[in-house]
Structures are given as C-alpha cells and as structure tokens.
Amino acid sequence: MKILLAAAVLALIPTPAHAATLDPVFPRGLPAAPSEDSCYVHRCVWDGRHAGNGKGHSLILTEYRGDFLAKRITHRRAHRLIAAWCARPNVECIGG
C-alpha cells in the first residue's frame, strides 16, 4: 500500500514536459553537423536519416587534433540531441 501511495504522489510532482526526452550526457543538446565529417564547433551531431542521402548512420562528431572522430549513435538519439539544441533560446539552428 505504501509503495502504491508513493508512486501516486510522485506522479503528481510537476516536471518539465521535455524532461523525459533529455539526453543524459548532453542535456542541452548538440548542434547539427553541416556534413558527416565536419562541424562548425568542436562537437556536433550528424543525423544520418534526415541529412545527406538519408541512408547513412547517425554520428556524434568530436574534434581531435584538427580532425573529427565519429561515434555511431541511434537515429532517435541524434534527433533528440538536435531538437534539444534547437529548442534553446538565442540559438540559430541549422538542420534538425
């Protein structure tokens, strides 16, 4: 009974509507990459499903010694990161 009551109380606590969609590592999101092998900043996201020919993989690109290292991520995560970035105030968004 106590567990059920605690769950009901927790359900009533207001949380931001987007809280469930925030990325645990990059909660403020990341900007979209202009291409699948470069960024305007030191870290960005390539959404393989919505960019380029739509057939590639989604990636997080991180600058390292003048080049970019790519880490493969799911399309869902790429989309979520770009959407969070674009939702920030005073951000000019490309892609996403």
PDB file of N, CA and C in Angstrom:
ATOM      1  N   MET A   1       0.821  -1.199   0.000  1.00  0.00           N
ATOM      2  CA  MET A   1       0.000   0.000   0.000  1.00  0.00           C
ATOM      3  C   MET A   1       0.859   1.255   0.000  1.00  0.00           C
ATOM      4  N   LYS A   2       1.941   1.270   0.817  1.00  0.00           N
ATOM      5  CA  LYS A   2       2.803   2.441   0.886  1.00  0.00           C
ATOM      6  C   LYS A   2       3.497   2.703  -0.445  1.00  0.00           C
ATOM      7  N   ILE A   3       3.923   1.655  -1.122  1.00  0.00           N
ATOM      8  CA  ILE A   3       4.600   1.810  -2.411  1.00  0.00           C
ATOM      9  C   ILE A   3       3.636   2.386  -3.445  1.00  0.00           C
ATOM     10  N   LEU A   4       2.429   1.903  -3.447  1.00  0.00           N
ATOM     11  CA  LEU A   4       1.421   2.396  -4.373  1.00  0.00           C
ATOM     12  C   LEU A   4       1.120   3.860  -4.110  1.00  0.00           C
ATOM     13  N   LEU A   5       1.023   4.257  -2.851  1.00  0.00           N
ATOM     14  CA  LEU A   5       0.765   5.637  -2.489  1.00  0.00           C
ATOM     15  C   LEU A   5       1.932   6.533  -2.901  1.00  0.00           C
ATOM     16  N   ALA A   6       3.179   6.056  -2.685  1.00  0.00           N
ATOM     17  CA  ALA A   6       4.359   6.836  -3.066  1.00  0.00           C
ATOM     18  C   ALA A   6       4.404   7.029  -4.573  1.00  0.00           C
ATOM     19  N   ALA A   7       4.061   6.015  -5.333  1.00  0.00           N
ATOM     20  CA  ALA A   7       4.044   6.130  -6.791  1.00  0.00           C
ATOM     21  C   ALA A   7       2.992   7.141  -7.237  1.00  0.00           C
ATOM     22  N   ALA A   8       1.848   7.144  -6.573  1.00  0.00           N
ATOM     23  CA  ALA A   8       0.790   8.093  -6.918  1.00  0.00           C
ATOM     24  C   ALA A   8       1.218   9.520  -6.607  1.00  0.00           C
ATOM     25  N   VAL A   9       1.914   9.721  -5.490  1.00  0.00           N
ATOM     26  CA  VAL A   9       2.394  11.056  -5.125  1.00  0.00           C
ATOM     27  C   VAL A   9       3.456  11.521  -6.111  1.00  0.00           C
ATOM     28  N   LEU A  10       4.402  10.643  -6.484  1.00  0.00           N
ATOM     29  CA  LEU A  10       5.440  11.011  -7.444  1.00  0.00           C
ATOM     30  C   LEU A  10       4.847  11.377  -8.800  1.00  0.00           C
ATOM     31  N   ALA A  11       3.770  10.733  -9.169  1.00  0.00           N
ATOM     32  CA  ALA A  11       3.132  11.033 -10.450  1.00  0.00           C
ATOM     33  C   ALA A  11       2.550  12.437 -10.470  1.00  0.00           C
ATOM     34  N   LEU A  12       2.264  13.000  -9.307  1.00  0.00           N
ATOM     35  CA  LEU A  12       1.666  14.329  -9.233  1.00  0.00           C
ATOM     36  C   LEU A  12       2.699  15.453  -9.212  1.00  0.00           C
ATOM     37  N   ILE A  13       3.983  15.118  -9.033  1.00  0.00           N
ATOM     38  CA  ILE A  13       5.021  16.145  -8.995  1.00  0.00           C
ATOM     39  C   ILE A  13       5.233  16.677 -10.405  1.00  0.00           C
ATOM     40  N   PRO A  14       5.089  17.991 -10.593  1.00  0.00           N
ATOM     41  CA  PRO A  14       5.242  18.535 -11.944  1.00  0.00           C
ATOM     42  C   PRO A  14       6.702  18.475 -12.407  1.00  0.00           C
ATOM     43  N   THR A  15       6.909  18.078 -13.651  1.00  0.00           N
ATOM     44  CA  THR A  15       8.228  18.062 -14.254  1.00  0.00           C
ATOM     45  C   THR A  15       8.119  18.722 -15.625  1.00  0.00           C
ATOM     46  N   PRO A  16       9.203  19.269 -16.122  1.00  0.00           N
ATOM     47  CA  PRO A  16       9.145  19.850 -17.456  1.00  0.00           C
ATOM     48  C   PRO A  16       8.703  18.816 -18.478  1.00  0.00           C
ATOM     49  N   ALA A  17       7.930  19.245 -19.455  1.00  0.00           N
ATOM     50  CA  ALA A  17       7.404  18.315 -20.449  1.00  0.00           C
ATOM     51  C   ALA A  17       8.513  17.629 -21.229  1.00  0.00           C
ATOM     52  N   HIS A  18       9.635  18.297 -21.404  1.00  0.00           N
ATOM     53  CA  HIS A  18      10.716  17.710 -22.183  1.00  0.00           C
ATOM     54  C   HIS A  18      11.707  16.908 -21.338  1.00  0.00           C
ATOM     55  N   ALA A  19      11.513  16.808 -20.044  1.00  0.00           N
ATOM     56  CA  ALA A  19      12.480  16.149 -19.164  1.00  0.00           C
ATOM     57  C   ALA A  19      12.726  14.699 -19.568  1.00  0.00           C
ATOM     58  N   ALA A  20      11.714  14.003 -20.003  1.00  0.00           N
ATOM     59  CA  ALA A  20      11.870  12.604 -20.371  1.00  0.00           C
ATOM     60  C   ALA A  20      12.667  12.440 -21.660  1.00  0.00           C
ATOM     61  N   THR A  21      12.778  13.490 -22.452  1.00  0.00           N
ATOM     62  CA  THR A  21      13.469  13.377 -23.722  1.00  0.00           C
ATOM     63  C   THR A  21      14.896  13.917 -23.675  1.00  0.00           C
ATOM     64  N   LEU A  22      15.340  14.430 -22.526  1.00  0.00           N
ATOM     65  CA  LEU A  22      16.692  14.971 -22.438  1.00  0.00           C
ATOM     66  C   LEU A  22      17.730  13.867 -22.507  1.00  0.00           C
ATOM     67  N   ASP A  23      18.817  14.138 -23.207  1.00  0.00           N
ATOM     68  CA  ASP A  23      19.913  13.189 -23.295  1.00  0.00           C
ATOM     69  C   ASP A  23      20.694  13.225 -21.988  1.00  0.00           C
ATOM     70  N   PRO A  24      21.031  12.082 -21.404  1.00  0.00           N
ATOM     71  CA  PRO A  24      21.729  12.091 -20.120  1.00  0.00           C
ATOM     72  C   PRO A  24      23.149  12.657 -20.193  1.00  0.00           C
ATOM     73  N   VAL A  25      23.817  12.544 -21.323  1.00  0.00           N
ATOM     74  CA  VAL A  25      25.185  13.031 -21.457  1.00  0.00           C
ATOM     75  C   VAL A  25      25.229  14.488 -21.917  1.00  0.00           C
ATOM     76  N   PHE A  26      24.349  14.849 -22.841  1.00  0.00           N
ATOM     77  CA  PHE A  26      24.290  16.208 -23.387  1.00  0.00           C
ATOM     78  C   PHE A  26      22.877  16.760 -23.242  1.00  0.00           C
ATOM     79  N   PRO A  27      22.449  17.099 -22.021  1.00  0.00           N
ATOM     80  CA  PRO A  27      21.052  17.529 -21.816  1.00  0.00           C
ATOM     81  C   PRO A  27      20.691  18.810 -22.564  1.00  0.00           C
ATOM     82  N   ARG A  28      21.670  19.641 -22.909  1.00  0.00           N
ATOM     83  CA  ARG A  28      21.378  20.863 -23.657  1.00  0.00           C
ATOM     84  C   ARG A  28      21.423  20.633 -25.162  1.00  0.00           C
ATOM     85  N   GLY A  29      21.691  19.401 -25.558  1.00  0.00           N
ATOM     86  CA  GLY A  29      21.720  19.052 -26.966  1.00  0.00           C
ATOM     87  C   GLY A  29      23.047  19.394 -27.624  1.00  0.00           C
ATOM     88  N   LEU A  30      23.109  19.145 -28.925  1.00  0.00           N
ATOM     89  CA  LEU A  30      24.277  19.458 -29.731  1.00  0.00           C
ATOM     90  C   LEU A  30      23.809  19.995 -31.072  1.00  0.00           C
ATOM     91  N   PRO A  31      24.600  20.879 -31.688  1.00  0.00           N
ATOM     92  CA  PRO A  31      24.184  21.410 -32.993  1.00  0.00           C
ATOM     93  C   PRO A  31      24.300  20.353 -34.087  1.00  0.00           C
ATOM     94  N   ALA A  32      23.540  20.562 -35.152  1.00  0.00           N
ATOM     95  CA  ALA A  32      23.595  19.661 -36.301  1.00  0.00           C
ATOM     96  C   ALA A  32      24.879  19.895 -37.074  1.00  0.00           C
ATOM     97  N   ALA A  33      25.437  18.831 -37.603  1.00  0.00           N
ATOM     98  CA  ALA A  33      26.659  18.923 -38.412  1.00  0.00           C
ATOM     99  C   ALA A  33      26.305  19.350 -39.831  1.00  0.00           C
ATOM    100  N   PRO A  34      27.129  20.199 -40.456  1.00  0.00           N
ATOM    101  CA  PRO A  34      26.882  20.592 -41.844  1.00  0.00           C
ATOM    102  C   PRO A  34      27.184  19.455 -42.821  1.00  0.00           C
ATOM    103  N   SER A  35      28.034  18.516 -42.426  1.00  0.00           N
ATOM    104  CA  SER A  35      28.330  17.339 -43.241  1.00  0.00           C
ATOM    105  C   SER A  35      28.679  16.195 -42.298  1.00  0.00           C
ATOM    106  N   GLU A  36      28.801  15.006 -42.850  1.00  0.00           N
ATOM    107  CA  GLU A  36      29.032  13.859 -41.982  1.00  0.00           C
ATOM    108  C   GLU A  36      30.470  13.721 -41.510  1.00  0.00           C
ATOM    109  N   ASP A  37      31.334  14.650 -41.882  1.00  0.00           N
ATOM    110  CA  ASP A  37      32.720  14.551 -41.430  1.00  0.00           C
ATOM    111  C   ASP A  37      33.306  15.860 -40.907  1.00  0.00           C
ATOM    112  N   SER A  38      32.463  16.830 -40.574  1.00  0.00           N
ATOM    113  CA  SER A  38      32.979  18.082 -40.016  1.00  0.00           C
ATOM    114  C   SER A  38      31.907  18.815 -39.221  1.00  0.00           C
ATOM    115  N   CYS A  39      32.371  19.762 -38.398  1.00  0.00           N
ATOM    116  CA  CYS A  39      31.490  20.595 -37.575  1.00  0.00           C
ATOM    117  C   CYS A  39      31.956  22.043 -37.651  1.00  0.00           C
ATOM    118  N   TYR A  40      31.077  22.953 -37.276  1.00  0.00           N
ATOM    119  CA  TYR A  40      31.472  24.352 -37.104  1.00  0.00           C
ATOM    120  C   TYR A  40      32.062  24.565 -35.713  1.00  0.00           C
ATOM    121  N   VAL A  41      31.769  23.670 -34.801  1.00  0.00           N
ATOM    122  CA  VAL A  41      32.227  23.740 -33.413  1.00  0.00           C
ATOM    123  C   VAL A  41      32.976  22.445 -33.090  1.00  0.00           C
ATOM    124  N   HIS A  42      33.446  22.290 -31.856  1.00  0.00           N
ATOM    125  CA  HIS A  42      34.251  21.118 -31.521  1.00  0.00           C
ATOM    126  C   HIS A  42      33.461  19.812 -31.391  1.00  0.00           C
ATOM    127  N   ARG A  43      32.134  19.892 -31.282  1.00  0.00           N
ATOM    128  CA  ARG A  43      31.321  18.679 -31.188  1.00  0.00           C
ATOM    129  C   ARG A  43      29.941  18.952 -31.778  1.00  0.00           C
ATOM    130  N   CYS A  44      29.440  18.018 -32.585  1.00  0.00           N
ATOM    131  CA  CYS A  44      28.116  18.182 -33.192  1.00  0.00           C
ATOM    132  C   CYS A  44      27.549  16.811 -33.566  1.00  0.00           C
ATOM    133  N   VAL A  45      26.346  16.829 -34.144  1.00  0.00           N
ATOM    134  CA  VAL A  45      25.623  15.588 -34.459  1.00  0.00           C
ATOM    135  C   VAL A  45      25.277  15.543 -35.944  1.00  0.00           C
ATOM    136  N   TRP A  46      25.517  14.411 -36.546  1.00  0.00           N
ATOM    137  CA  TRP A  46      25.085  14.152 -37.917  1.00  0.00           C
ATOM    138  C   TRP A  46      23.896  13.211 -37.830  1.00  0.00           C
ATOM    139  N   ASP A  47      22.754  13.658 -38.329  1.00  0.00           N
ATOM    140  CA  ASP A  47      21.535  12.841 -38.334  1.00  0.00           C
ATOM    141  C   ASP A  47      21.469  12.124 -39.682  1.00  0.00           C
ATOM    142  N   GLY A  48      21.908  10.886 -39.701  1.00  0.00           N
ATOM    143  CA  GLY A  48      22.013  10.136 -40.949  1.00  0.00           C
ATOM    144  C   GLY A  48      20.704   9.897 -41.666  1.00  0.00           C
ATOM    145  N   ARG A  49      19.610   9.924 -40.967  1.00  0.00           N
ATOM    146  CA  ARG A  49      18.318   9.676 -41.609  1.00  0.00           C
ATOM    147  C   ARG A  49      17.741  10.933 -42.254  1.00  0.00           C
ATOM    148  N   HIS A  50      18.007  12.098 -41.668  1.00  0.00           N
ATOM    149  CA  HIS A  50      17.416  13.330 -42.187  1.00  0.00           C
ATOM    150  C   HIS A  50      18.389  14.222 -42.941  1.00  0.00           C
ATOM    151  N   ALA A  51      19.635  13.811 -43.052  1.00  0.00           N
ATOM    152  CA  ALA A  51      20.631  14.627 -43.746  1.00  0.00           C
ATOM    153  C   ALA A  51      21.304  13.790 -44.832  1.00  0.00           C
ATOM    154  N   GLY A  52      21.943  14.461 -45.743  1.00  0.00           N
ATOM    155  CA  GLY A  52      22.619  13.741 -46.823  1.00  0.00           C
ATOM    156  C   GLY A  52      21.622  12.958 -47.655  1.00  0.00           C
ATOM    157  N   ASN A  53      21.973  11.724 -48.009  1.00  0.00           N
ATOM    158  CA  ASN A  53      21.070  10.912 -48.835  1.00  0.00           C
ATOM    159  C   ASN A  53      20.066  10.123 -48.009  1.00  0.00           C
ATOM    160  N   GLY A  54      20.112  10.277 -46.672  1.00  0.00           N
ATOM    161  CA  GLY A  54      19.147   9.610 -45.796  1.00  0.00           C
ATOM    162  C   GLY A  54      19.422   8.140 -45.553  1.00  0.00           C
ATOM    163  N   LYS A  55      20.558   7.650 -46.003  1.00  0.00           N
ATOM    164  CA  LYS A  55      20.858   6.223 -45.855  1.00  0.00           C
ATOM    165  C   LYS A  55      22.031   5.937 -44.931  1.00  0.00           C
ATOM    166  N   GLY A  56      22.702   6.963 -44.431  1.00  0.00           N
ATOM    167  CA  GLY A  56      23.876   6.751 -43.594  1.00  0.00           C
ATOM    168  C   GLY A  56      23.534   6.556 -42.130  1.00  0.00           C
ATOM    169  N   HIS A  57      24.577   6.466 -41.322  1.00  0.00           N
ATOM    170  CA  HIS A  57      24.430   6.309 -39.878  1.00  0.00           C
ATOM    171  C   HIS A  57      24.438   7.667 -39.192  1.00  0.00           C
ATOM    172  N   SER A  58      23.798   7.747 -38.048  1.00  0.00           N
ATOM    173  CA  SER A  58      23.843   8.961 -37.237  1.00  0.00           C
ATOM    174  C   SER A  58      25.101   8.908 -36.383  1.00  0.00           C
ATOM    175  N   LEU A  59      25.720  10.083 -36.194  1.00  0.00           N
ATOM    176  CA  LEU A  59      27.017  10.152 -35.533  1.00  0.00           C
ATOM    177  C   LEU A  59      27.123  11.346 -34.606  1.00  0.00           C
ATOM    178  N   ILE A  60      27.935  11.220 -33.561  1.00  0.00           N
ATOM    179  CA  ILE A  60      28.417  12.376 -32.809  1.00  0.00           C
ATOM    180  C   ILE A  60      29.844  12.592 -33.289  1.00  0.00           C
ATOM    181  N   LEU A  61      30.137  13.793 -33.772  1.00  0.00           N
ATOM    182  CA  LEU A  61      31.469  14.136 -34.254  1.00  0.00           C
ATOM    183  C   LEU A  61      32.165  14.976 -33.207  1.00  0.00           C
ATOM    184  N   THR A  62      33.401  14.606 -32.867  1.00  0.00           N
ATOM    185  CA  THR A  62      34.185  15.332 -31.870  1.00  0.00           C
ATOM    186  C   THR A  62      35.533  15.688 -32.479  1.00  0.00           C
ATOM    187  N   GLU A  63      35.882  16.970 -32.393  1.00  0.00           N
ATOM    188  CA  GLU A  63      37.163  17.414 -32.936  1.00  0.00           C
ATOM    189  C   GLU A  63      38.312  16.849 -32.102  1.00  0.00           C
ATOM    190  N   TYR A  64      39.326  16.350 -32.801  1.00  0.00           N
ATOM    191  CA  TYR A  64      40.504  15.808 -32.129  1.00  0.00           C
ATOM    192  C   TYR A  64      41.712  16.028 -33.030  1.00  0.00           C
ATOM    193  N   ARG A  65      42.609  16.893 -32.572  1.00  0.00           N
ATOM    194  CA  ARG A  65      43.851  17.176 -33.298  1.00  0.00           C
ATOM    195  C   ARG A  65      43.610  17.583 -34.746  1.00  0.00           C
ATOM    196  N   GLY A  66      42.672  18.478 -34.940  1.00  0.00           N
ATOM    197  CA  GLY A  66      42.407  19.008 -36.273  1.00  0.00           C
ATOM    198  C   GLY A  66      41.527  18.152 -37.164  1.00  0.00           C
ATOM    199  N   ASP A  67      41.091  17.021 -36.681  1.00  0.00           N
ATOM    200  CA  ASP A  67      40.211  16.140 -37.442  1.00  0.00           C
ATOM    201  C   ASP A  67      38.985  15.851 -36.585  1.00  0.00           C
ATOM    202  N   PHE A  68      38.042  15.095 -37.116  1.00  0.00           N
ATOM    203  CA  PHE A  68      36.846  14.754 -36.356  1.00  0.00           C
ATOM    204  C   PHE A  68      36.723  13.254 -36.199  1.00  0.00           C
ATOM    205  N   LEU A  69      36.539  12.818 -34.951  1.00  0.00           N
ATOM    206  CA  LEU A  69      36.285  11.415 -34.648  1.00  0.00           C
ATOM    207  C   LEU A  69      34.782  11.208 -34.634  1.00  0.00           C
ATOM    208  N   ALA A  70      34.330  10.110 -35.160  1.00  0.00           N
ATOM    209  CA  ALA A  70      32.896   9.833 -35.238  1.00  0.00           C
ATOM    210  C   ALA A  70      32.523   8.689 -34.312  1.00  0.00           C
ATOM    211  N   LYS A  71      31.444   8.880 -33.565  1.00  0.00           N
ATOM    212  CA  LYS A  71      30.894   7.810 -32.726  1.00  0.00           C
ATOM    213  C   LYS A  71      29.474   7.557 -33.204  1.00  0.00           C
ATOM    214  N   ARG A  72      29.184   6.333 -33.566  1.00  0.00           N
ATOM    215  CA  ARG A  72      27.861   5.979 -34.072  1.00  0.00           C
ATOM    216  C   ARG A  72      26.834   6.012 -32.944  1.00  0.00           C
ATOM    217  N   ILE A  73      25.690   6.614 -33.228  1.00  0.00           N
ATOM    218  CA  ILE A  73      24.578   6.670 -32.274  1.00  0.00           C
ATOM    219  C   ILE A  73      23.285   6.326 -33.007  1.00  0.00           C
ATOM    220  N   THR A  74      22.228   6.106 -32.260  1.00  0.00           N
ATOM    221  CA  THR A  74      20.941   5.803 -32.890  1.00  0.00           C
ATOM    222  C   THR A  74      20.347   7.061 -33.512  1.00  0.00           C
ATOM    223  N   HIS A  75      19.481   6.857 -34.482  1.00  0.00           N
ATOM    224  CA  HIS A  75      18.790   7.989 -35.087  1.00  0.00           C
ATOM    225  C   HIS A  75      17.974   8.731 -34.038  1.00  0.00           C
ATOM    226  N   ARG A  76      17.334   7.989 -33.173  1.00  0.00           N
ATOM    227  CA  ARG A  76      16.500   8.605 -32.133  1.00  0.00           C
ATOM    228  C   ARG A  76      17.321   9.557 -31.264  1.00  0.00           C
ATOM    229  N   ARG A  77      18.524   9.132 -30.870  1.00  0.00           N
ATOM    230  CA  ARG A  77      19.371   9.989 -30.045  1.00  0.00           C
ATOM    231  C   ARG A  77      19.837  11.211 -30.837  1.00  0.00           C
ATOM    232  N   ALA A  78      20.223  11.024 -32.086  1.00  0.00           N
ATOM    233  CA  ALA A  78      20.657  12.152 -32.914  1.00  0.00           C
ATOM    234  C   ALA A  78      19.540  13.184 -33.034  1.00  0.00           C
ATOM    235  N   HIS A  79      18.351  12.713 -33.310  1.00  0.00           N
ATOM    236  CA  HIS A  79      17.213  13.613 -33.452  1.00  0.00           C
ATOM    237  C   HIS A  79      16.925  14.351 -32.146  1.00  0.00           C
ATOM    238  N   ARG A  80      17.007  13.633 -31.037  1.00  0.00           N
ATOM    239  CA  ARG A  80      16.758  14.230 -29.718  1.00  0.00           C
ATOM    240  C   ARG A  80      17.806  15.298 -29.390  1.00  0.00           C
ATOM    241  N   LEU A  81      19.077  15.031 -29.690  1.00  0.00           N
ATOM    242  CA  LEU A  81      20.139  16.000 -29.418  1.00  0.00           C
ATOM    243  C   LEU A  81      19.966  17.276 -30.237  1.00  0.00           C
ATOM    244  N   ILE A  82      19.643  17.133 -31.511  1.00  0.00           N
ATOM    245  CA  ILE A  82      19.458  18.309 -32.366  1.00  0.00           C
ATOM    246  C   ILE A  82      18.214  19.084 -31.945  1.00  0.00           C
ATOM    247  N   ALA A  83      17.139  18.372 -31.609  1.00  0.00           N
ATOM    248  CA  ALA A  83      15.899  19.042 -31.176  1.00  0.00           C
ATOM    249  C   ALA A  83      16.133  19.826 -29.888  1.00  0.00           C
ATOM    250  N   ALA A  84      16.895  19.261 -28.946  1.00  0.00           N
ATOM    251  CA  ALA A  84      17.184  19.975 -27.696  1.00  0.00           C
ATOM    252  C   ALA A  84      18.016  21.220 -27.983  1.00  0.00           C
ATOM    253  N   TRP A  85      18.979  21.119 -28.888  1.00  0.00           N
ATOM    254  CA  TRP A  85      19.809  22.270 -29.249  1.00  0.00           C
ATOM    255  C   TRP A  85      18.939  23.362 -29.871  1.00  0.00           C
ATOM    256  N   CYS A  86      18.073  22.989 -30.780  1.00  0.00           N
ATOM    257  CA  CYS A  86      17.230  23.959 -31.489  1.00  0.00           C
ATOM    258  C   CYS A  86      16.187  24.614 -30.576  1.00  0.00           C
ATOM    259  N   ALA A  87      15.841  23.950 -29.484  1.00  0.00           N
ATOM    260  CA  ALA A  87      14.855  24.488 -28.542  1.00  0.00           C
ATOM    261  C   ALA A  87      15.453  25.537 -27.609  1.00  0.00           C
ATOM    262  N   ARG A  88      16.782  25.643 -27.573  1.00  0.00           N
ATOM    263  CA  ARG A  88      17.431  26.610 -26.680  1.00  0.00           C
ATOM    264  C   ARG A  88      17.177  28.031 -27.170  1.00  0.00           C
ATOM    265  N   PRO A  89      17.043  28.977 -26.227  1.00  0.00           N
ATOM    266  CA  PRO A  89      16.847  30.368 -26.632  1.00  0.00           C
ATOM    267  C   PRO A  89      18.123  30.932 -27.258  1.00  0.00           C
ATOM    268  N   ASN A  90      17.963  31.842 -28.190  1.00  0.00           N
ATOM    269  CA  ASN A  90      19.055  32.532 -28.855  1.00  0.00           C
ATOM    270  C   ASN A  90      20.011  31.614 -29.606  1.00  0.00           C
ATOM    271  N   VAL A  91      19.500  30.495 -30.090  1.00  0.00           N
ATOM    272  CA  VAL A  91      20.310  29.562 -30.884  1.00  0.00           C
ATOM    273  C   VAL A  91      19.803  29.614 -32.313  1.00  0.00           C
ATOM    274  N   GLU A  92      20.732  29.873 -33.227  1.00  0.00           N
ATOM    275  CA  GLU A  92      20.378  29.802 -34.640  1.00  0.00           C
ATOM    276  C   GLU A  92      20.576  28.367 -35.071  1.00  0.00           C
ATOM    277  N   CYS A  93      19.534  27.735 -35.487  1.00  0.00           N
ATOM    278  CA  CYS A  93      19.556  26.295 -35.730  1.00  0.00           C
ATOM    279  C   CYS A  93      19.648  25.998 -37.220  1.00  0.00           C
ATOM    280  N   ILE A  94      20.598  25.124 -37.571  1.00  0.00           N
ATOM    281  CA  ILE A  94      20.639  24.592 -38.932  1.00  0.00           C
ATOM    282  C   ILE A  94      20.339  23.119 -38.819  1.00  0.00           C
ATOM    283  N   GLY A  95      19.715  22.561 -39.789  1.00  0.00           N
ATOM    284  CA  GLY A  95      19.350  21.140 -39.723  1.00  0.00           C
ATOM    285  C   GLY A  95      18.190  20.972 -38.762  1.00  0.00           C
ATOM    286  N   GLY A  96      18.141  19.790 -38.092  1.00  0.00           N
ATOM    287  CA  GLY A  96      17.130  19.494 -37.107  1.00  0.00           C
ATOM    288  C   GLY A  96      15.785  19.885 -37.545  1.00  0.00           C
TER     289      GLY A  96
END
